[in-house]
Amino acid sequence: MALGIRTLAACSIVTLCGCAGAGLTERSQVVVAHGPLEYELAVDKSLTTLDESICWESNGPQALRTSGANGMRVLRSTSSGSGEPVRRTGDLLDLSALDEADCVTLSIDLSAVAERRVIRPSRDELAPSLWLPTDSWMWFDNDDPRRSDGIVRWSLPPGIEAATPWEAGAAQTSIVRSDDFDWKTIVALGALERRVLHAAGATVRLTAVDPTHLPSHDVIDGWLSRALEAVASLYGGTFPREELQLLLIPTQRPASEPVVFGLVARGGHLPTVSLFLSSDATHDSLRGEWVTIHELLHLGMPYVAAMDAWISEGFVTYMTEVLRARFGYFDSDRDFPGSVGLDFSDVDATQAQALMALTTLRLGVERGKQESSRLNLSLRDASARLGELHAFMLVYWGGASVAMRLDQRLRAMNRGLSLDLLFRRWSTLIGGPKKVWLAHQLLFDPVVVDRMSPEALRELEIAAAAADVTPVFFADETLRTMGLRYNHDLGLFSLHDRGDPQPGITEESSGLDAMRIFAPETTAADSRGHPYPLPP
C-alpha cells in the first residue's frame, strides 16, 4: 500500500487463514456447514446509513462478527424477524435465541466508519460517493469451519451504484465465498463511472468515483497502461493477474504527489487497487509516478503477514525504483527538490535514470535511518508494530535495503539470478486458496529456490536474518557498490568514475555491471520464471 506509503490489512494470521478451531474437538469430527446467509444491503440517498438484512433458511449461525474492530461502534440498532433478542456480547452478535430459519436487521452508521472517504460532488444534483471497506459493517458467521458462502443483493436509490470485487451470481446477486469474509475488501458506492481497460494482458475493471473531479480518459488510460506495462515487464510482458478491480478516487485538495494514497485489498473474486488522486493531477505529473507501480507490484506477490511487512513493502519499494529507471520515468525537475544535486555530466540516458533511482534509494535510506535511531527497533519488530508505531520509513526503506543488497549479490554470481527472478517465481505461488505467507516461507519455497546454488541460498539466508537487525545502517555500502557517489563539498550525487573499479567487487563478482540492474530488460522469462536456463 502507499500513503506516500501504504497500509496493511489489519487481520491476524489465524483469522486470515481461517484456522480458528471453533466447534472442532476431534480431528475426525464431521463439520456441518451452517446455512447460506442472504444479504440485502440498502443505503439512504445521503449515504449515511446502511441497513443490512441477513437471512437464512435453516441451520443458521450462532453468532456474527466483523473482521475489523469497529463493528460495534458503528452499529446503531439490531432486531430479528422472529422478534427474539439479538444480544451484544463483546465483539459478537449472539444469535442463539433466534429461530432455525430467521433474519437479523442491522442499522449501520456509515458516518462513523473511520476509513470511509466521502467525495464532495462537483454539482448539487450529483449523489455523494463512498470508498467503503467492509471490515466494520459486513457481519458474518463467527464459526469459521461451519461458515457458508454469502449471497448479496443491493437495494440502492436512484443515482447510486455499487462496485464490488465479489463474484457475480444469478439474478443480480453477488457471491462472497466462505473463506473470503476475513480478507480486506473494498466497495465503492455513489455516482460511479465504470468501464474496462485492457493493458499488458490484463482486464482492469475501472471504476471512477465522481469522474467529474478526475483527468480525461486519455490521460487516465495512458497513465495506468504505462504502469501495468512496467510491472508486466518482470513477467515476460504479461501482467501477473488476468483481471482486477481498480478504483480511482479524487481527493479535494492539491498535494505534492499526483497519487496521494494507494492500497491493495485482496478480498473478493478480484483483487482491488484503490488510488486516491490529487485534485491537480495532470498528464505530466502522473507519467511514471511511483504509487501506482508500487501497488501493482503487490499483485505479483502472495499476501505476506503483517509481522513480515519488511519483505512485502520493502522489496516492492526497491523494485518500484528499478522499474521506473528501466522505463525512463524519472524526471529530475519533478522528482527531486532543489536541495538535491545530481551530476549528469558524461552520462547517457540510461545512466541518468540509474543515478536518479540510486539517489531516490539513498534519500529513502536516510529517512529510514532517522526513524530507526528514534525507535531503536529491529526491522522485524518494527514490522510487527507497524500499525501501532506507523514506522513506515524504517519498514519500507529497511526492507528496500535488504532487497537491493540481495539483488546485487545474486547478480554478482553471474548465474542468471536476480530479484527479477524472485518476483517471477513468487507470482507462480498466488493461485489457489488465499493464504498468508511468512517471509521465510516466501524466500525458501521449493519453487523459489529451484536449482539455486548453495551460495545463492546463503544470500537468501542473509536476507532473512537481516530482519533481526536494522539494515538501513548497512545500505550505504551496497549503494556504493552499485555505483552511487556523493560529493559533500559540491553537494552532488553522481555515478562512479567508469574508469575506476567499483569498491567491494571481488573476484567472484567481477563480472557484475551494476548498470544492468537499471537498464531495460531484454531477456524473456520462460514459464517457470527463469530468465534463462540455470545450471543443475
Protein backbone atom coordinates (compact mmCIF):
# COMPACT_ATOMS: atom_id res chain seq x y z
CA MET A 1 0.00 0.00 0.00
CA ALA A 2 1.10 3.59 -0.39
CA LEU A 3 0.25 6.62 1.55
CA GLY A 4 3.03 8.19 0.12
CA ILE A 5 3.47 4.86 1.80
CA ARG A 6 0.81 2.07 2.11
CA THR A 7 -1.25 0.50 4.83
CA LEU A 8 -1.51 -3.18 5.57
CA ALA A 9 -4.68 -5.16 6.00
CA ALA A 10 -5.05 -5.38 9.77
CA CYS A 11 -6.06 -9.02 10.12
CA SER A 12 -4.34 -11.67 12.21
CA ILE A 13 -2.74 -14.70 10.61
CA VAL A 14 -5.14 -17.06 12.37
CA THR A 15 -8.15 -15.10 11.23
CA LEU A 16 -6.98 -14.74 7.66
CA CYS A 17 -6.10 -18.41 7.36
CA GLY A 18 -9.47 -19.44 8.76
CA CYS A 19 -7.63 -21.54 11.33
CA ALA A 20 -9.68 -20.73 14.41
CA GLY A 21 -10.87 -24.07 15.75
CA ALA A 22 -14.39 -23.16 16.83
CA GLY A 23 -16.55 -26.27 17.03
CA LEU A 24 -13.72 -28.75 16.45
CA THR A 25 -12.76 -31.05 19.31
CA GLU A 26 -11.66 -34.17 17.39
CA ARG A 27 -9.94 -34.43 14.03
CA SER A 28 -12.49 -36.99 12.92
CA GLN A 29 -15.50 -34.84 13.84
CA VAL A 30 -17.78 -34.12 10.88
CA VAL A 31 -18.31 -30.39 10.37
CA VAL A 32 -21.76 -29.49 9.07
CA ALA A 33 -21.82 -26.06 7.43
CA HIS A 34 -24.35 -23.51 8.57
CA GLY A 35 -26.99 -22.44 6.09
CA PRO A 36 -26.03 -19.82 3.46
CA LEU A 37 -26.53 -16.22 4.51
CA GLU A 38 -28.55 -13.97 2.22
CA TYR A 39 -27.75 -10.27 2.49
CA GLU A 40 -29.94 -7.35 1.48
CA LEU A 41 -27.88 -4.16 1.63
CA ALA A 42 -29.71 -0.82 1.39
CA VAL A 43 -28.38 2.73 1.74
CA ASP A 44 -30.11 6.08 2.00
CA LYS A 45 -29.53 8.75 -0.65
CA SER A 46 -27.11 10.68 1.57
CA LEU A 47 -25.03 7.53 2.14
CA THR A 48 -25.01 7.99 5.90
CA THR A 49 -26.95 4.84 6.85
CA LEU A 50 -26.67 1.23 5.72
CA ASP A 51 -29.47 -1.20 6.54
CA GLU A 52 -28.13 -4.74 6.47
CA SER A 53 -30.65 -7.58 6.46
CA ILE A 54 -29.15 -11.08 6.89
CA CYS A 55 -31.43 -14.11 6.48
CA TRP A 56 -31.02 -17.91 6.44
CA GLU A 57 -33.46 -20.71 5.69
CA SER A 58 -32.10 -23.31 8.13
CA ASN A 59 -29.18 -24.20 10.41
CA GLY A 60 -28.30 -20.56 10.98
CA PRO A 61 -25.19 -19.16 12.67
CA GLN A 62 -24.97 -18.90 16.43
CA ALA A 63 -23.04 -15.61 16.34
CA LEU A 64 -21.96 -12.92 13.87
CA ARG A 65 -18.85 -10.77 13.80
CA THR A 66 -16.99 -8.33 11.58
CA SER A 67 -13.36 -8.63 10.50
CA GLY A 68 -12.44 -5.26 11.99
CA ALA A 69 -12.57 -3.80 15.49
CA ASN A 70 -15.19 -1.11 14.87
CA GLY A 71 -18.24 -3.27 14.22
CA MET A 72 -19.99 -2.50 17.49
CA ARG A 73 -19.05 1.17 17.43
CA VAL A 74 -20.83 1.86 14.13
CA LEU A 75 -23.83 -0.41 14.85
CA ARG A 76 -26.91 1.70 15.63
CA SER A 77 -29.58 -0.95 16.18
CA THR A 78 -30.38 -4.66 15.79
CA SER A 79 -33.58 -6.67 15.51
CA SER A 80 -34.70 -10.14 14.37
CA GLY A 81 -37.51 -11.30 12.14
CA SER A 82 -38.80 -13.65 14.84
CA GLY A 83 -38.75 -10.93 17.49
CA GLU A 84 -36.23 -12.87 19.57
CA PRO A 85 -33.40 -10.81 21.10
CA VAL A 86 -30.08 -10.24 19.35
CA ARG A 87 -27.60 -9.87 22.21
CA ARG A 88 -24.33 -7.97 22.01
CA THR A 89 -21.51 -9.92 23.64
CA GLY A 90 -18.11 -8.31 23.30
CA ASP A 91 -17.44 -8.06 19.57
CA LEU A 92 -20.12 -10.66 18.72
CA LEU A 93 -23.82 -10.59 17.99
CA ASP A 94 -25.28 -13.58 19.85
CA LEU A 95 -28.00 -15.24 17.75
CA SER A 96 -28.50 -18.32 19.94
CA ALA A 97 -32.05 -17.26 20.84
CA LEU A 98 -33.16 -16.96 17.20
CA ASP A 99 -35.15 -19.50 15.24
CA GLU A 100 -33.71 -22.16 12.92
CA ALA A 101 -34.86 -20.00 9.98
CA ASP A 102 -34.73 -16.30 10.74
CA CYS A 103 -33.34 -12.86 9.83
CA VAL A 104 -31.48 -10.09 11.58
CA THR A 105 -31.64 -6.46 10.54
CA LEU A 106 -28.76 -4.17 11.42
CA SER A 107 -28.60 -0.40 11.04
CA ILE A 108 -25.04 0.83 10.37
CA ASP A 109 -23.88 4.42 10.87
CA LEU A 110 -21.71 4.99 7.81
CA SER A 111 -20.74 8.45 9.04
CA ALA A 112 -18.86 6.70 11.86
CA VAL A 113 -16.90 4.33 9.62
CA ALA A 114 -13.36 5.55 10.22
CA GLU A 115 -11.83 4.62 6.84
CA ARG A 116 -14.69 5.95 4.77
CA ARG A 117 -13.74 8.66 2.27
CA VAL A 118 -16.56 10.96 1.15
CA ILE A 119 -16.01 12.81 -2.09
CA ARG A 120 -17.82 16.11 -2.34
CA PRO A 121 -19.93 16.14 -5.54
CA SER A 122 -18.96 18.74 -8.10
CA ARG A 123 -22.63 19.61 -8.63
CA ASP A 124 -25.51 19.65 -6.16
CA GLU A 125 -27.61 17.30 -8.23
CA LEU A 126 -24.98 14.55 -8.10
CA ALA A 127 -25.16 11.91 -5.40
CA PRO A 128 -22.31 11.67 -2.87
CA SER A 129 -19.84 8.79 -3.12
CA LEU A 130 -18.12 6.43 -0.72
CA TRP A 131 -14.92 4.41 -0.71
CA LEU A 132 -16.04 1.81 1.76
CA PRO A 133 -14.02 -1.03 3.33
CA THR A 134 -16.31 -3.80 4.55
CA ASP A 135 -14.41 -4.66 7.72
CA SER A 136 -16.58 -2.65 10.13
CA TRP A 137 -20.04 -3.34 8.74
CA MET A 138 -20.07 -6.71 6.94
CA TRP A 139 -21.31 -9.16 9.61
CA PHE A 140 -20.75 -12.87 9.03
CA ASP A 141 -20.72 -16.27 10.71
CA ASN A 142 -18.26 -16.36 13.61
CA ASP A 143 -17.82 -20.15 13.31
CA ASP A 144 -15.07 -20.39 10.68
CA PRO A 145 -15.20 -24.14 9.96
CA ARG A 146 -19.02 -24.09 9.58
CA ARG A 147 -19.23 -20.88 7.59
CA SER A 148 -21.05 -20.91 4.24
CA ASP A 149 -20.97 -18.57 1.27
CA GLY A 150 -22.98 -15.37 1.37
CA ILE A 151 -25.36 -14.09 -1.32
CA VAL A 152 -25.54 -10.28 -1.59
CA ARG A 153 -28.22 -8.07 -3.14
CA TRP A 154 -28.12 -4.28 -3.16
CA SER A 155 -31.14 -2.01 -2.82
CA LEU A 156 -29.95 1.41 -3.97
CA PRO A 157 -31.67 4.78 -4.52
CA PRO A 158 -31.63 6.44 -7.97
CA GLY A 159 -28.21 7.73 -8.99
CA ILE A 160 -26.34 5.38 -6.64
CA GLU A 161 -24.38 2.40 -7.96
CA ALA A 162 -22.21 -0.21 -6.24
CA ALA A 163 -18.87 -1.54 -7.49
CA THR A 164 -17.61 -4.65 -5.67
CA PRO A 165 -14.90 -7.27 -6.24
CA TRP A 166 -17.30 -10.13 -5.47
CA GLU A 167 -18.16 -12.85 -7.95
CA ALA A 168 -21.37 -12.28 -9.91
CA GLY A 169 -24.20 -14.69 -9.05
CA ALA A 170 -27.62 -15.25 -10.54
CA ALA A 171 -30.37 -12.62 -10.74
CA GLN A 172 -28.28 -9.53 -9.95
CA THR A 173 -26.60 -11.02 -6.90
CA SER A 174 -23.00 -11.29 -5.78
CA ILE A 175 -21.34 -14.20 -4.00
CA VAL A 176 -18.98 -13.79 -1.05
CA ARG A 177 -17.05 -17.03 -0.64
CA SER A 178 -16.94 -18.52 2.85
CA ASP A 179 -13.15 -18.17 3.18
CA ASP A 180 -13.22 -14.59 1.92
CA PHE A 181 -15.10 -12.69 4.64
CA ASP A 182 -12.00 -12.03 6.72
CA TRP A 183 -9.99 -10.54 3.88
CA LYS A 184 -9.78 -6.79 3.34
CA THR A 185 -12.48 -5.90 0.83
CA ILE A 186 -13.35 -2.52 -0.69
CA VAL A 187 -16.61 -1.47 -2.33
CA ALA A 188 -17.49 1.87 -3.92
CA LEU A 189 -20.92 3.47 -3.72
CA GLY A 190 -22.28 6.58 -5.40
CA ALA A 191 -22.09 8.39 -8.71
CA LEU A 192 -19.73 5.97 -10.42
CA GLU A 193 -18.32 5.71 -13.91
CA ARG A 194 -17.48 2.13 -14.79
CA ARG A 195 -15.57 0.91 -17.81
CA VAL A 196 -12.98 -1.67 -18.82
CA LEU A 197 -9.32 -1.06 -19.63
CA HIS A 198 -7.22 -3.72 -21.38
CA ALA A 199 -3.45 -3.41 -20.99
CA ALA A 200 -0.43 -5.73 -20.62
CA GLY A 201 -2.66 -8.79 -20.95
CA ALA A 202 -4.87 -7.75 -18.02
CA THR A 203 -8.52 -6.76 -17.85
CA VAL A 204 -8.96 -3.84 -15.47
CA ARG A 205 -12.48 -3.22 -14.13
CA LEU A 206 -12.03 0.52 -13.78
CA THR A 207 -14.38 2.49 -11.53
CA ALA A 208 -14.12 6.26 -11.19
CA VAL A 209 -15.74 7.65 -8.05
CA ASP A 210 -17.20 11.02 -9.15
CA PRO A 211 -15.42 11.19 -12.52
CA THR A 212 -16.05 14.95 -12.82
CA HIS A 213 -13.07 15.51 -10.50
CA LEU A 214 -10.67 13.28 -12.47
CA PRO A 215 -8.48 13.81 -15.56
CA SER A 216 -9.70 12.73 -19.01
CA HIS A 217 -10.00 9.11 -20.12
CA ASP A 218 -6.96 9.51 -22.37
CA VAL A 219 -4.80 10.75 -19.50
CA ILE A 220 -6.01 8.03 -17.13
CA ASP A 221 -5.69 5.22 -19.66
CA GLY A 222 -2.19 6.26 -20.72
CA TRP A 223 -1.00 6.56 -17.12
CA LEU A 224 -2.45 3.21 -16.00
CA SER A 225 -1.36 1.37 -19.14
CA ARG A 226 2.23 2.51 -18.69
CA ALA A 227 2.22 1.39 -15.06
CA LEU A 228 0.76 -2.00 -15.95
CA GLU A 229 3.32 -2.47 -18.73
CA ALA A 230 6.20 -1.57 -16.42
CA VAL A 231 5.16 -4.20 -13.88
CA ALA A 232 4.37 -6.73 -16.62
CA SER A 233 7.95 -6.44 -17.88
CA LEU A 234 9.01 -8.56 -14.90
CA TYR A 235 6.82 -11.39 -16.17
CA GLY A 236 7.65 -11.53 -19.86
CA GLY A 237 5.28 -8.68 -20.76
CA THR A 238 2.09 -10.12 -19.27
CA PHE A 239 0.69 -8.72 -16.03
CA PRO A 240 0.55 -11.43 -13.31
CA ARG A 241 -3.23 -11.07 -12.79
CA GLU A 242 -5.69 -11.66 -15.58
CA GLU A 243 -8.29 -9.37 -14.02
CA LEU A 244 -8.50 -6.80 -11.24
CA GLN A 245 -10.74 -4.06 -9.91
CA LEU A 246 -9.23 -0.58 -9.82
CA LEU A 247 -10.90 2.32 -8.00
CA LEU A 248 -9.97 5.92 -8.76
CA ILE A 249 -10.94 8.34 -6.01
CA PRO A 250 -10.36 12.09 -6.33
CA THR A 251 -9.28 14.00 -3.25
CA GLN A 252 -10.44 17.52 -2.56
CA ARG A 253 -7.06 19.20 -2.17
CA PRO A 254 -3.91 19.52 -4.28
CA ALA A 255 -0.91 17.59 -2.99
CA SER A 256 2.82 17.31 -3.56
CA GLU A 257 2.31 14.00 -5.38
CA PRO A 258 -0.35 13.24 -8.01
CA VAL A 259 -1.38 9.99 -6.31
CA VAL A 260 -1.56 10.71 -2.60
CA PHE A 261 -2.51 7.27 -1.32
CA GLY A 262 -2.77 3.72 -2.61
CA LEU A 263 -3.92 0.41 -1.20
CA VAL A 264 -4.35 -3.18 -2.35
CA ALA A 265 -7.17 -5.30 -0.93
CA ARG A 266 -7.36 -9.00 -1.80
CA GLY A 267 -10.86 -9.78 -0.60
CA GLY A 268 -13.39 -10.93 -3.17
CA HIS A 269 -13.21 -12.65 -6.51
CA LEU A 270 -10.91 -9.89 -7.81
CA PRO A 271 -8.14 -8.02 -6.03
CA THR A 272 -8.83 -4.30 -5.67
CA VAL A 273 -6.35 -1.49 -6.17
CA SER A 274 -7.50 1.86 -4.76
CA LEU A 275 -5.74 5.04 -5.91
CA PHE A 276 -6.51 8.47 -4.44
CA LEU A 277 -5.64 11.28 -6.85
CA SER A 278 -4.72 14.85 -6.04
CA SER A 279 -7.15 17.42 -7.39
CA ASP A 280 -4.38 18.89 -9.56
CA ALA A 281 -3.06 15.62 -11.05
CA THR A 282 -2.03 16.11 -14.69
CA HIS A 283 -0.67 14.05 -17.57
CA ASP A 284 2.90 15.14 -16.85
CA SER A 285 2.73 14.54 -13.11
CA LEU A 286 1.08 11.12 -13.50
CA ARG A 287 3.55 9.81 -16.05
CA GLY A 288 5.74 7.29 -14.22
CA GLU A 289 4.67 8.29 -10.70
CA TRP A 290 5.64 5.66 -8.16
CA VAL A 291 2.49 4.87 -6.16
CA THR A 292 0.63 3.04 -8.95
CA ILE A 293 3.64 0.92 -9.93
CA HIS A 294 4.18 0.12 -6.25
CA GLU A 295 0.58 -1.05 -5.73
CA LEU A 296 0.51 -3.10 -8.92
CA LEU A 297 3.76 -4.84 -7.92
CA HIS A 298 1.99 -6.15 -4.82
CA LEU A 299 -0.35 -8.15 -7.05
CA GLY A 300 2.57 -10.24 -8.28
CA MET A 301 3.39 -11.37 -4.73
CA PRO A 302 1.47 -13.59 -2.32
CA TYR A 303 -0.01 -11.83 0.70
CA VAL A 304 2.62 -11.55 3.44
CA ALA A 305 1.83 -11.49 7.16
CA ALA A 306 1.86 -8.05 8.77
CA MET A 307 4.76 -9.09 11.01
CA ASP A 308 6.89 -9.50 7.86
CA ALA A 309 5.81 -6.33 6.09
CA TRP A 310 9.50 -5.53 5.60
CA ILE A 311 9.69 -8.06 2.75
CA SER A 312 6.40 -7.26 1.02
CA GLU A 313 6.68 -3.48 1.31
CA GLY A 314 10.46 -3.22 1.24
CA PHE A 315 11.10 -5.44 -1.77
CA VAL A 316 8.28 -3.73 -3.66
CA THR A 317 9.69 -0.31 -2.73
CA TYR A 318 13.07 -1.26 -4.18
CA MET A 319 11.63 -2.79 -7.34
CA THR A 320 9.43 0.27 -7.88
CA GLU A 321 12.51 2.45 -8.32
CA VAL A 322 14.22 -0.14 -10.51
CA LEU A 323 11.25 -0.29 -12.89
CA ARG A 324 10.89 3.48 -13.02
CA ALA A 325 14.53 3.73 -14.11
CA ARG A 326 14.20 0.97 -16.71
CA PHE A 327 11.26 2.72 -18.32
CA GLY A 328 12.79 6.18 -18.17
CA TYR A 329 10.14 7.52 -15.80
CA PHE A 330 12.37 9.62 -13.54
CA ASP A 331 12.25 13.36 -14.11
CA SER A 332 14.90 15.37 -12.25
CA ASP A 333 12.83 18.57 -12.14
CA ARG A 334 9.66 16.81 -10.98
CA ASP A 335 11.04 14.11 -8.68
CA PHE A 336 13.77 15.93 -6.73
CA PRO A 337 13.73 19.09 -4.63
CA GLY A 338 16.17 21.82 -5.49
CA SER A 339 18.28 20.87 -2.48
CA VAL A 340 19.26 17.56 -4.11
CA GLY A 341 22.11 17.98 -6.60
CA LEU A 342 22.57 15.46 -9.43
CA ASP A 343 25.66 15.30 -11.64
CA PHE A 344 24.54 14.34 -15.15
CA SER A 345 27.82 15.17 -16.85
CA ASP A 346 29.14 12.49 -19.20
CA VAL A 347 26.22 10.10 -18.63
CA ASP A 348 23.79 8.71 -21.17
CA ALA A 349 20.01 8.47 -20.68
CA THR A 350 20.13 5.02 -19.07
CA GLN A 351 22.86 6.08 -16.67
CA ALA A 352 20.93 9.23 -15.79
CA GLN A 353 17.90 7.12 -14.87
CA ALA A 354 20.12 4.81 -12.79
CA LEU A 355 21.58 7.81 -10.96
CA MET A 356 18.11 9.09 -10.10
CA ALA A 357 16.95 5.66 -8.93
CA LEU A 358 20.03 5.20 -6.72
CA THR A 359 19.64 8.70 -5.32
CA THR A 360 15.99 8.04 -4.51
CA LEU A 361 17.03 4.88 -2.68
CA ARG A 362 19.74 6.79 -0.79
CA LEU A 363 17.30 9.52 0.29
CA GLY A 364 14.82 6.88 1.45
CA VAL A 365 17.50 5.02 3.40
CA GLU A 366 18.39 8.26 5.21
CA ARG A 367 14.76 8.63 6.29
CA GLY A 368 14.84 5.03 7.46
CA LYS A 369 17.97 5.72 9.49
CA GLN A 370 16.36 8.66 11.22
CA GLU A 371 13.33 6.64 12.20
CA SER A 372 15.46 3.68 13.28
CA SER A 373 17.52 5.91 15.56
CA ARG A 374 14.34 7.22 17.15
CA LEU A 375 12.62 3.85 17.63
CA ASN A 376 15.65 1.59 18.25
CA LEU A 377 13.84 -1.47 16.86
CA SER A 378 14.85 -4.30 14.59
CA LEU A 379 13.21 -4.43 11.18
CA ARG A 380 11.10 -7.41 12.24
CA ASP A 381 9.88 -5.72 15.43
CA ALA A 382 9.09 -2.50 13.57
CA SER A 383 7.06 -4.53 11.04
CA ALA A 384 5.13 -6.32 13.77
CA ARG A 385 4.27 -2.95 15.37
CA LEU A 386 3.73 -1.02 12.15
CA GLY A 387 0.06 -0.33 12.84
CA GLU A 388 0.88 0.88 16.33
CA LEU A 389 4.03 2.91 15.66
CA HIS A 390 3.50 3.89 12.00
CA ALA A 391 7.16 3.08 11.41
CA PHE A 392 6.76 3.28 7.65
CA MET A 393 10.17 4.81 6.89
CA LEU A 394 12.04 2.08 8.76
CA VAL A 395 9.95 -0.83 7.45
CA TYR A 396 9.79 0.30 3.82
CA TRP A 397 13.35 1.53 3.43
CA GLY A 398 14.81 -1.08 5.73
CA GLY A 399 13.18 -3.74 3.59
CA ALA A 400 14.39 -1.97 0.45
CA SER A 401 17.94 -2.08 1.89
CA VAL A 402 17.68 -5.86 2.20
CA ALA A 403 16.26 -6.14 -1.32
CA MET A 404 18.93 -4.11 -3.06
CA ARG A 405 21.77 -5.95 -1.30
CA LEU A 406 20.22 -9.30 -2.22
CA ASP A 407 19.73 -8.19 -5.84
CA GLN A 408 23.33 -7.01 -6.09
CA ARG A 409 24.72 -10.19 -4.55
CA LEU A 410 22.61 -12.55 -6.66
CA ARG A 411 23.55 -10.75 -9.87
CA ALA A 412 27.23 -10.83 -8.91
CA MET A 413 27.16 -14.63 -9.14
CA ASN A 414 26.62 -14.45 -12.93
CA ARG A 415 24.18 -17.36 -12.89
CA GLY A 416 21.02 -15.65 -14.10
CA LEU A 417 19.91 -14.82 -10.59
CA SER A 418 18.32 -11.52 -9.56
CA LEU A 419 15.42 -10.04 -7.68
CA ASP A 420 13.54 -10.11 -11.00
CA LEU A 421 13.73 -13.89 -10.85
CA LEU A 422 12.35 -13.95 -7.30
CA PHE A 423 9.39 -11.80 -8.32
CA ARG A 424 8.68 -14.08 -11.27
CA ARG A 425 8.76 -17.17 -9.09
CA TRP A 426 6.66 -15.53 -6.39
CA SER A 427 3.97 -14.81 -8.96
CA THR A 428 3.53 -18.56 -9.52
CA LEU A 429 2.58 -19.00 -5.83
CA ILE A 430 -0.53 -16.81 -6.00
CA GLY A 431 -3.10 -19.28 -7.32
CA GLY A 432 -5.38 -21.43 -5.17
CA PRO A 433 -7.00 -20.60 -1.83
CA LYS A 434 -5.95 -17.34 -0.21
CA LYS A 435 -3.04 -17.80 2.15
CA VAL A 436 -0.89 -15.66 4.43
CA TRP A 437 2.84 -16.17 3.94
CA LEU A 438 5.71 -15.57 6.32
CA ALA A 439 8.95 -14.08 4.95
CA HIS A 440 10.92 -17.29 5.44
CA GLN A 441 8.26 -19.28 3.57
CA LEU A 442 8.34 -16.80 0.72
CA LEU A 443 12.12 -16.89 0.41
CA PHE A 444 12.53 -20.66 0.69
CA ASP A 445 9.52 -22.16 -1.02
CA PRO A 446 10.71 -25.02 -3.29
CA VAL A 447 9.52 -23.12 -6.38
CA VAL A 448 11.60 -20.11 -5.36
CA VAL A 449 14.85 -21.94 -4.61
CA ASP A 450 14.62 -24.38 -7.52
CA ARG A 451 18.13 -25.06 -8.93
CA MET A 452 19.78 -22.37 -6.82
CA SER A 453 23.37 -22.91 -5.74
CA PRO A 454 24.45 -23.14 -2.08
CA GLU A 455 25.94 -19.66 -2.46
CA ALA A 456 22.58 -18.25 -3.60
CA LEU A 457 20.77 -19.99 -0.75
CA ARG A 458 23.26 -18.44 1.65
CA GLU A 459 22.34 -14.99 0.33
CA LEU A 460 18.66 -15.75 0.93
CA GLU A 461 19.53 -16.76 4.49
CA ILE A 462 21.38 -13.48 5.00
CA ALA A 463 18.35 -11.58 3.68
CA ALA A 464 16.01 -13.43 6.05
CA ALA A 465 18.33 -12.78 9.01
CA ALA A 466 18.59 -9.07 8.16
CA ALA A 467 15.13 -8.52 9.61
CA ASP A 468 16.57 -9.09 13.08
CA VAL A 469 18.81 -6.04 12.78
CA THR A 470 18.44 -2.57 11.23
CA PRO A 471 19.76 -2.98 7.66
CA VAL A 472 19.36 0.70 6.72
CA PHE A 473 22.65 1.30 8.52
CA PHE A 474 24.43 -1.06 6.12
CA ALA A 475 22.77 0.22 2.94
CA ASP A 476 25.41 2.84 2.10
CA GLU A 477 27.96 0.14 1.28
CA THR A 478 25.52 -1.54 -1.09
CA LEU A 479 24.66 1.76 -2.77
CA ARG A 480 28.34 2.49 -3.20
CA THR A 481 28.94 -0.94 -4.72
CA MET A 482 26.03 -0.25 -7.10
CA GLY A 483 27.81 2.91 -8.26
CA LEU A 484 26.41 5.84 -6.26
CA ARG A 485 28.77 8.59 -5.09
CA TYR A 486 28.11 11.73 -3.04
CA ASN A 487 30.44 14.72 -3.07
CA HIS A 488 29.92 16.52 0.23
CA ASP A 489 31.89 19.59 -0.91
CA LEU A 490 29.76 20.09 -4.03
CA GLY A 491 26.55 18.57 -2.62
CA LEU A 492 26.20 16.36 -5.71
CA PHE A 493 25.15 12.76 -6.27
CA SER A 494 26.92 11.06 -9.18
CA LEU A 495 27.79 7.67 -10.62
CA HIS A 496 31.26 6.22 -10.02
CA ASP A 497 34.05 7.11 -12.39
CA ARG A 498 33.70 4.45 -15.05
CA GLY A 499 37.47 4.27 -15.37
CA ASP A 500 37.83 3.15 -11.76
CA PRO A 501 36.86 -0.27 -10.43
CA GLN A 502 33.88 -0.27 -8.13
CA PRO A 503 34.79 -0.91 -4.48
CA GLY A 504 33.56 -4.10 -2.94
CA ILE A 505 33.79 -6.10 -6.20
CA THR A 506 35.56 -9.37 -5.54
CA GLU A 507 36.92 -11.90 -7.97
CA GLU A 508 33.66 -13.82 -7.56
CA SER A 509 31.59 -10.82 -8.58
CA SER A 510 33.94 -9.16 -11.05
CA GLY A 511 31.54 -9.83 -13.90
CA LEU A 512 28.85 -7.63 -12.38
CA ASP A 513 27.90 -4.50 -14.26
CA ALA A 514 25.69 -2.68 -11.76
CA MET A 515 24.10 -0.69 -14.59
CA ARG A 516 22.42 -3.93 -15.70
CA ILE A 517 20.02 -3.56 -12.79
CA PHE A 518 18.54 -0.37 -14.20
CA ALA A 519 18.84 -0.91 -17.94
CA PRO A 520 15.70 -2.06 -19.79
CA GLU A 521 15.31 -5.83 -19.51
CA THR A 522 15.63 -7.69 -22.81
CA THR A 523 15.65 -11.30 -21.65
CA ALA A 524 12.29 -13.05 -21.68
CA ALA A 525 11.38 -15.42 -18.86
CA ASP A 526 10.17 -18.92 -19.50
CA SER A 527 7.01 -20.33 -17.93
CA ARG A 528 8.81 -21.29 -14.70
CA GLY A 529 10.22 -17.82 -14.21
CA HIS A 530 13.82 -18.46 -15.30
CA PRO A 531 15.35 -15.64 -17.37
CA TYR A 532 17.49 -18.34 -18.99
CA PRO A 533 18.41 -21.90 -18.00
CA LEU A 534 20.16 -22.20 -14.68
CA PRO A 535 22.79 -24.85 -14.04
CA PRO A 536 21.63 -28.04 -12.27
